[in-house]
Amino acid sequence: MQNRSLGGAKLQNSSFTTALRVEGLLYSSYVANIVFNGCLCYSTTVLNIATIYALRKTVLTPKPLRILILNLAVSDLIVGLLGQPLYIAYLAGELHFKVPDSTTFIVSSLIWNILYLSSFCSILALHVDRFAAIHIPLRYNDLVTCKRTAIVVIAIWLFNILLVSFSVLLTPPRISLIIVDTIILFCLLTSTWSSYKNFLTIRAQNSSVENLARLRKSTHSALWIYLVFCVCYLPNVFIEIVDAVYGYGSASIVIHTLNIYLVTLMFLNSSLNPVIYCWKMRHIRRTMFGILQNISRR
């Protein structure tokens, strides 16, 4: 009997030690992500403000493409101004074991999901634009106008606002997840297919004509934006599906911890997009370097 009681005590001590380690892992994850997102807020805001200013100044980029990139930069700017601060507040509340205010949590969920879906739809619109420029160049200027591009951008935001409001406020979480994931899957499949077709077509063209050279550069830029976007967003999509299946119980503590980092990775994309613009678009790079130099001097 004594040996059995000692064995039970050892088992209890082992469980207690494991619980402490898990709690320590969660605590360090919360602190690390709060600090990292605090730094990212500044870089995301400054870089995307510089991008928006540079896009307004440049005249070399086609206007419809400029509108689409500007829309993506505005979405990234909102991430820095609202998305990441709300995520920091959420992590801080979880860190201190406080139950978040229901109204605040609903507003945060609405903003996160609107930005989430808008990013996917904006990437899709960007690749459809390049697909039209490559495969129907003679009709591109007639079909893709600034007015129509602006209407598409406004429609993307209105559609996502209405859809997210309906799914978050009026439908069960699982149904909401199915709706959002269906739209994301459609955007991913369409963007992947158009990116693949664009890459093959551009690769087959060996002409050195200036218009084709610019088209090749803009297509490569869109491809890099898409690849980096997938690296930052797809892990979060996968882990959210796993979380919806297994929940946040003790058995899924590793998934929950991983999810904290993957949301930060998703936010990191908003700081990486301006870097891609600077790297792949020379006229935008010059303007942005001048802006950032002035900011650093001040």
Protein backbone atom coordinates (compact mmCIF):
# COMPACT_ATOMS: atom_id res chain seq x y z
CA MET A 1 0.00 0.00 0.00
CA GLN A 2 2.83 2.34 0.88
CA ASN A 3 4.54 1.71 -2.48
CA ARG A 4 1.29 2.42 -4.28
CA SER A 5 0.85 5.72 -2.42
CA LEU A 6 4.44 6.68 -3.23
CA GLY A 7 3.81 5.84 -6.90
CA GLY A 8 0.67 7.97 -6.88
CA ALA A 9 2.58 10.85 -5.29
CA LYS A 10 5.29 10.61 -7.96
CA LEU A 11 2.63 10.63 -10.68
CA GLN A 12 0.98 13.70 -9.16
CA ASN A 13 4.33 15.47 -8.91
CA SER A 14 5.08 14.62 -12.53
CA SER A 15 1.71 15.99 -13.66
CA PHE A 16 2.24 19.13 -11.59
CA THR A 17 5.70 19.65 -13.13
CA THR A 18 4.30 19.19 -16.64
CA ALA A 19 1.54 21.69 -15.91
CA LEU A 20 4.12 24.22 -14.70
CA ARG A 21 6.19 23.74 -17.85
CA VAL A 22 3.14 24.20 -20.06
CA GLU A 23 2.15 27.33 -18.15
CA GLY A 24 5.69 28.68 -18.50
CA LEU A 25 5.66 27.96 -22.24
CA LEU A 26 2.40 29.84 -22.67
CA TYR A 27 3.62 32.76 -20.55
CA SER A 28 6.84 33.16 -22.54
CA SER A 29 4.88 32.87 -25.81
CA TYR A 30 2.50 35.65 -24.78
CA VAL A 31 5.34 37.95 -23.69
CA ALA A 32 7.44 37.30 -26.81
CA ASN A 33 4.54 37.96 -29.17
CA ILE A 34 3.44 41.09 -27.32
CA VAL A 35 6.96 42.53 -27.64
CA PHE A 36 7.37 41.47 -31.27
CA ASN A 37 3.98 42.81 -32.34
CA GLY A 38 4.71 46.06 -30.54
CA CYS A 39 7.81 46.49 -32.73
CA LEU A 40 5.92 45.39 -35.85
CA CYS A 41 3.22 48.01 -35.29
CA TYR A 42 5.76 50.76 -35.89
CA SER A 43 7.45 49.18 -38.91
CA THR A 44 4.13 48.21 -40.52
CA THR A 45 2.69 51.71 -40.11
CA VAL A 46 5.77 53.62 -41.28
CA LEU A 47 6.56 51.37 -44.26
CA ASN A 48 3.00 51.35 -45.57
CA ILE A 49 2.56 55.11 -45.15
CA ALA A 50 5.76 55.50 -47.19
CA THR A 51 4.39 53.03 -49.76
CA ILE A 52 1.10 54.90 -50.11
CA TYR A 53 2.93 58.21 -50.55
CA ALA A 54 5.31 56.66 -53.11
CA LEU A 55 2.43 55.15 -55.10
CA ARG A 56 0.68 58.51 -55.25
CA LYS A 57 3.85 60.16 -56.56
CA THR A 58 4.91 57.61 -59.17
CA VAL A 59 3.56 57.80 -62.72
CA LEU A 60 5.34 54.78 -64.25
CA THR A 61 3.07 52.09 -62.80
CA PRO A 62 -0.20 51.50 -64.74
CA LYS A 63 -3.08 53.19 -62.91
CA PRO A 64 -5.23 50.05 -62.37
CA LEU A 65 -2.24 48.18 -60.98
CA ARG A 66 -1.37 51.17 -58.83
CA ILE A 67 -4.90 51.20 -57.39
CA LEU A 68 -4.69 47.50 -56.51
CA ILE A 69 -1.29 47.85 -54.82
CA LEU A 70 -2.54 50.97 -53.05
CA ASN A 71 -5.52 48.98 -51.77
CA LEU A 72 -3.19 46.29 -50.44
CA ALA A 73 -1.00 48.93 -48.78
CA VAL A 74 -4.05 50.53 -47.12
CA SER A 75 -5.12 47.11 -45.83
CA ASP A 76 -1.61 46.56 -44.42
CA LEU A 77 -1.68 50.02 -42.85
CA ILE A 78 -4.94 49.20 -41.07
CA VAL A 79 -3.25 46.05 -39.75
CA GLY A 80 -0.55 48.22 -38.18
CA LEU A 81 -3.00 50.78 -36.80
CA LEU A 82 -5.79 48.47 -35.59
CA GLY A 83 -5.11 44.77 -36.15
CA GLN A 84 -1.85 44.43 -34.23
CA PRO A 85 -2.76 46.78 -31.32
CA LEU A 86 -5.97 44.78 -30.81
CA TYR A 87 -3.97 41.55 -30.89
CA ILE A 88 -1.53 42.94 -28.31
CA ALA A 89 -4.49 43.86 -26.07
CA TYR A 90 -5.94 40.37 -26.55
CA LEU A 91 -2.65 38.68 -25.60
CA ALA A 92 -2.24 40.96 -22.59
CA GLY A 93 -5.72 40.03 -21.39
CA GLU A 94 -5.00 36.32 -21.82
CA LEU A 95 -1.65 36.77 -20.05
CA HIS A 96 -3.31 38.13 -16.92
CA PHE A 97 -6.12 35.54 -17.04
CA LYS A 98 -8.80 38.15 -17.56
CA VAL A 99 -11.98 37.45 -19.44
CA PRO A 100 -12.15 39.98 -22.30
CA ASP A 101 -15.16 42.26 -22.61
CA SER A 102 -17.64 40.68 -25.01
CA THR A 103 -18.17 43.87 -27.01
CA THR A 104 -14.43 44.45 -27.37
CA PHE A 105 -13.88 40.84 -28.40
CA ILE A 106 -16.64 40.98 -31.04
CA VAL A 107 -15.27 44.24 -32.50
CA SER A 108 -11.75 42.77 -32.59
CA SER A 109 -13.00 39.61 -34.31
CA LEU A 110 -14.86 41.68 -36.90
CA ILE A 111 -11.78 43.77 -37.72
CA TRP A 112 -9.43 40.77 -37.86
CA ASN A 113 -11.71 38.78 -40.15
CA ILE A 114 -12.41 41.73 -42.45
CA LEU A 115 -8.68 42.37 -42.87
CA TYR A 116 -8.09 38.62 -43.23
CA LEU A 117 -10.55 38.16 -46.10
CA SER A 118 -9.74 41.49 -47.73
CA SER A 119 -6.10 40.48 -48.03
CA PHE A 120 -7.01 37.23 -49.80
CA CYS A 121 -9.44 38.99 -52.16
CA SER A 122 -6.94 41.79 -52.89
CA ILE A 123 -4.26 39.26 -53.83
CA LEU A 124 -6.77 37.57 -56.13
CA ALA A 125 -7.67 40.88 -57.79
CA LEU A 126 -3.98 41.67 -58.29
CA HIS A 127 -3.34 38.38 -60.10
CA VAL A 128 -6.49 38.64 -62.21
CA ASP A 129 -5.31 42.07 -63.33
CA ARG A 130 -1.90 40.69 -64.38
CA PHE A 131 -3.63 37.74 -66.07
CA ALA A 132 -5.69 40.15 -68.17
CA ALA A 133 -2.64 42.28 -69.01
CA ILE A 134 -0.69 39.21 -70.19
CA HIS A 135 -3.32 37.17 -72.00
CA ILE A 136 -5.53 39.88 -73.54
CA PRO A 137 -3.13 42.83 -73.95
CA LEU A 138 -5.03 44.38 -76.86
CA ARG A 139 -8.26 44.64 -74.87
CA TYR A 140 -6.67 45.29 -71.47
CA ASN A 141 -6.97 49.09 -71.56
CA ASP A 142 -10.63 48.85 -72.58
CA LEU A 143 -11.59 46.21 -70.03
CA VAL A 144 -9.46 47.23 -67.04
CA THR A 145 -10.05 50.92 -66.38
CA CYS A 146 -9.37 52.98 -63.27
CA LYS A 147 -13.11 53.35 -62.61
CA ARG A 148 -13.77 49.62 -62.83
CA THR A 149 -10.74 48.83 -60.69
CA ALA A 150 -11.92 51.27 -58.02
CA ILE A 151 -15.39 49.69 -58.11
CA VAL A 152 -13.83 46.23 -57.62
CA VAL A 153 -11.81 47.48 -54.64
CA ILE A 154 -14.88 49.07 -53.02
CA ALA A 155 -16.91 45.92 -53.72
CA ILE A 156 -14.23 43.77 -52.03
CA TRP A 157 -14.40 45.80 -48.84
CA LEU A 158 -18.21 46.06 -48.77
CA PHE A 159 -18.63 42.35 -49.48
CA ASN A 160 -16.19 41.35 -46.74
CA ILE A 161 -17.69 43.75 -44.20
CA LEU A 162 -21.20 42.40 -44.82
CA LEU A 163 -20.08 38.77 -44.93
CA VAL A 164 -17.96 38.95 -41.79
CA SER A 165 -20.66 40.87 -39.89
CA PHE A 166 -23.24 38.24 -40.84
CA SER A 167 -20.99 35.25 -40.11
CA VAL A 168 -19.63 36.54 -36.78
CA LEU A 169 -22.85 37.98 -35.36
CA LEU A 170 -25.56 35.68 -36.72
CA THR A 171 -24.07 32.24 -37.39
CA PRO A 172 -22.48 29.56 -35.18
CA PRO A 173 -18.65 29.54 -35.11
CA ARG A 174 -18.34 26.34 -37.15
CA ILE A 175 -20.65 27.64 -39.89
CA SER A 176 -18.74 30.92 -39.90
CA LEU A 177 -15.46 29.01 -40.27
CA ILE A 178 -16.85 27.01 -43.21
CA ILE A 179 -17.98 30.19 -44.99
CA VAL A 180 -14.66 31.97 -44.51
CA ASP A 181 -12.57 28.92 -45.45
CA THR A 182 -14.63 28.36 -48.61
CA ILE A 183 -13.90 31.90 -49.79
CA ILE A 184 -10.23 31.55 -48.86
CA LEU A 185 -9.98 28.25 -50.75
CA PHE A 186 -11.54 29.82 -53.84
CA CYS A 187 -9.15 32.80 -53.70
CA LEU A 188 -6.14 30.52 -53.21
CA LEU A 189 -7.01 28.17 -56.06
CA THR A 190 -7.77 31.01 -58.48
CA SER A 191 -4.65 32.98 -57.51
CA THR A 192 -2.47 29.88 -57.80
CA TRP A 193 -3.83 29.02 -61.23
CA SER A 194 -3.48 32.59 -62.57
CA SER A 195 0.04 32.91 -61.11
CA TYR A 196 1.09 29.68 -62.76
CA LYS A 197 -0.34 30.70 -66.15
CA ASN A 198 1.22 34.16 -65.89
CA PHE A 199 4.62 32.73 -65.03
CA LEU A 200 4.57 30.29 -67.93
CA THR A 201 3.50 32.94 -70.43
CA ILE A 202 6.06 35.52 -69.28
CA ARG A 203 8.81 32.91 -69.24
CA ALA A 204 8.05 31.95 -72.85
CA GLN A 205 8.33 35.55 -74.05
CA ASN A 206 11.90 36.58 -74.87
CA SER A 207 11.13 39.97 -76.37
CA SER A 208 13.07 42.99 -75.08
CA VAL A 209 10.31 45.48 -75.92
CA GLU A 210 9.96 48.02 -73.11
CA ASN A 211 6.26 47.31 -72.49
CA LEU A 212 6.91 43.58 -72.22
CA ALA A 213 9.85 44.20 -69.89
CA ARG A 214 7.65 46.28 -67.58
CA LEU A 215 4.92 43.66 -67.75
CA ARG A 216 7.44 40.96 -66.82
CA LYS A 217 8.64 42.98 -63.82
CA SER A 218 5.13 43.69 -62.55
CA THR A 219 4.18 40.02 -62.98
CA HIS A 220 7.24 38.86 -61.05
CA SER A 221 6.41 41.38 -58.33
CA ALA A 222 2.85 40.04 -58.06
CA LEU A 223 4.22 36.50 -57.92
CA TRP A 224 6.57 37.35 -55.05
CA ILE A 225 3.76 39.10 -53.18
CA TYR A 226 1.66 35.97 -53.57
CA LEU A 227 4.42 33.58 -52.46
CA VAL A 228 5.27 35.59 -49.34
CA PHE A 229 1.57 35.94 -48.62
CA CYS A 230 1.10 32.16 -48.76
CA VAL A 231 4.08 31.55 -46.46
CA CYS A 232 2.65 33.97 -43.88
CA TYR A 233 -1.05 33.10 -44.10
CA LEU A 234 -1.44 29.43 -44.98
CA PRO A 235 0.01 28.04 -41.70
CA ASN A 236 -2.55 30.11 -39.80
CA VAL A 237 -5.38 28.83 -42.01
CA PHE A 238 -4.32 25.24 -41.30
CA ILE A 239 -3.94 25.73 -37.55
CA GLU A 240 -7.32 27.48 -37.29
CA ILE A 241 -8.97 24.45 -38.87
CA VAL A 242 -7.16 22.16 -36.41
CA ASP A 243 -8.24 24.40 -33.51
CA ALA A 244 -11.85 24.27 -34.68
CA VAL A 245 -11.69 20.46 -34.61
CA TYR A 246 -9.84 19.92 -31.31
CA GLY A 247 -10.70 23.09 -29.38
CA TYR A 248 -8.57 24.75 -26.73
CA GLY A 249 -8.47 21.97 -24.16
CA SER A 250 -5.40 20.73 -22.36
CA ALA A 251 -4.74 18.23 -25.16
CA SER A 252 -4.37 21.07 -27.68
CA ILE A 253 -2.10 23.33 -25.64
CA VAL A 254 0.72 22.97 -28.17
CA ILE A 255 -1.64 23.91 -31.00
CA HIS A 256 -2.81 26.95 -29.06
CA THR A 257 0.79 28.06 -28.43
CA LEU A 258 1.70 27.55 -32.07
CA ASN A 259 -1.35 29.54 -33.11
CA ILE A 260 -0.08 32.55 -31.15
CA TYR A 261 3.11 32.62 -33.22
CA LEU A 262 1.33 31.96 -36.51
CA VAL A 263 -1.00 34.93 -36.04
CA THR A 264 2.10 37.08 -35.55
CA LEU A 265 3.57 35.56 -38.73
CA MET A 266 0.38 36.56 -40.52
CA PHE A 267 0.75 40.15 -39.29
CA LEU A 268 4.41 40.12 -40.38
CA ASN A 269 3.22 39.95 -43.99
CA SER A 270 2.03 43.55 -43.73
CA SER A 271 5.62 44.66 -43.06
CA LEU A 272 7.10 42.44 -45.77
CA ASN A 273 4.91 43.71 -48.62
CA PRO A 274 6.55 47.19 -48.72
CA VAL A 275 9.95 45.44 -48.79
CA ILE A 276 8.84 43.53 -51.89
CA TYR A 277 7.70 46.76 -53.54
CA CYS A 278 11.09 48.34 -52.87
CA TRP A 279 12.93 45.27 -54.10
CA LYS A 280 11.01 44.64 -57.31
CA MET A 281 9.78 48.13 -58.35
CA ARG A 282 12.62 50.58 -58.88
CA HIS A 283 10.52 53.73 -59.22
CA ILE A 284 8.74 52.99 -55.94
CA ARG A 285 12.06 52.11 -54.26
CA ARG A 286 13.60 55.51 -55.01
CA THR A 287 10.65 57.44 -53.61
CA MET A 288 10.38 55.27 -50.49
CA PHE A 289 14.10 55.51 -49.73
CA GLY A 290 13.85 59.28 -49.85
CA ILE A 291 10.86 59.27 -47.47
CA LEU A 292 12.50 56.88 -45.00
CA GLN A 293 15.73 58.92 -45.02
CA ASN A 294 13.77 62.04 -44.12
CA ILE A 295 11.98 60.18 -41.30
CA SER A 296 15.26 58.83 -39.90
CA ARG A 297 16.83 62.32 -39.93
CA ARG A 298 13.91 63.78 -38.05
